[in-house]
């Protein structure tokens, strides 16, 4: 019997956030700290941006995570800004 998917296995936007932060920091995704779930509910984030049929989504979600400002767009695009760069 297979284990249930974890946020990293789901391919959802929460995985994209972790991957984008890891890339910005030059580290492996497993080394990103703190865990995403300490800042935002990864399952809720994935549900908000889950592909759906019908109406096209609009808007974005922005939050601070691991020294960065993260913006997730309705299309699932993840932008990572350094908190230091955003405050200058």
Foldseek 3Di string as FASTA:
>chain_A
DDDDDDLCRPPFLLVVQLVVVCVVVVHDSVPFPDPPCVWPNSVVRRVQQPDDPDDQDFDWDWDDGRQWIWIATSPSDIDTGGPVVVVD
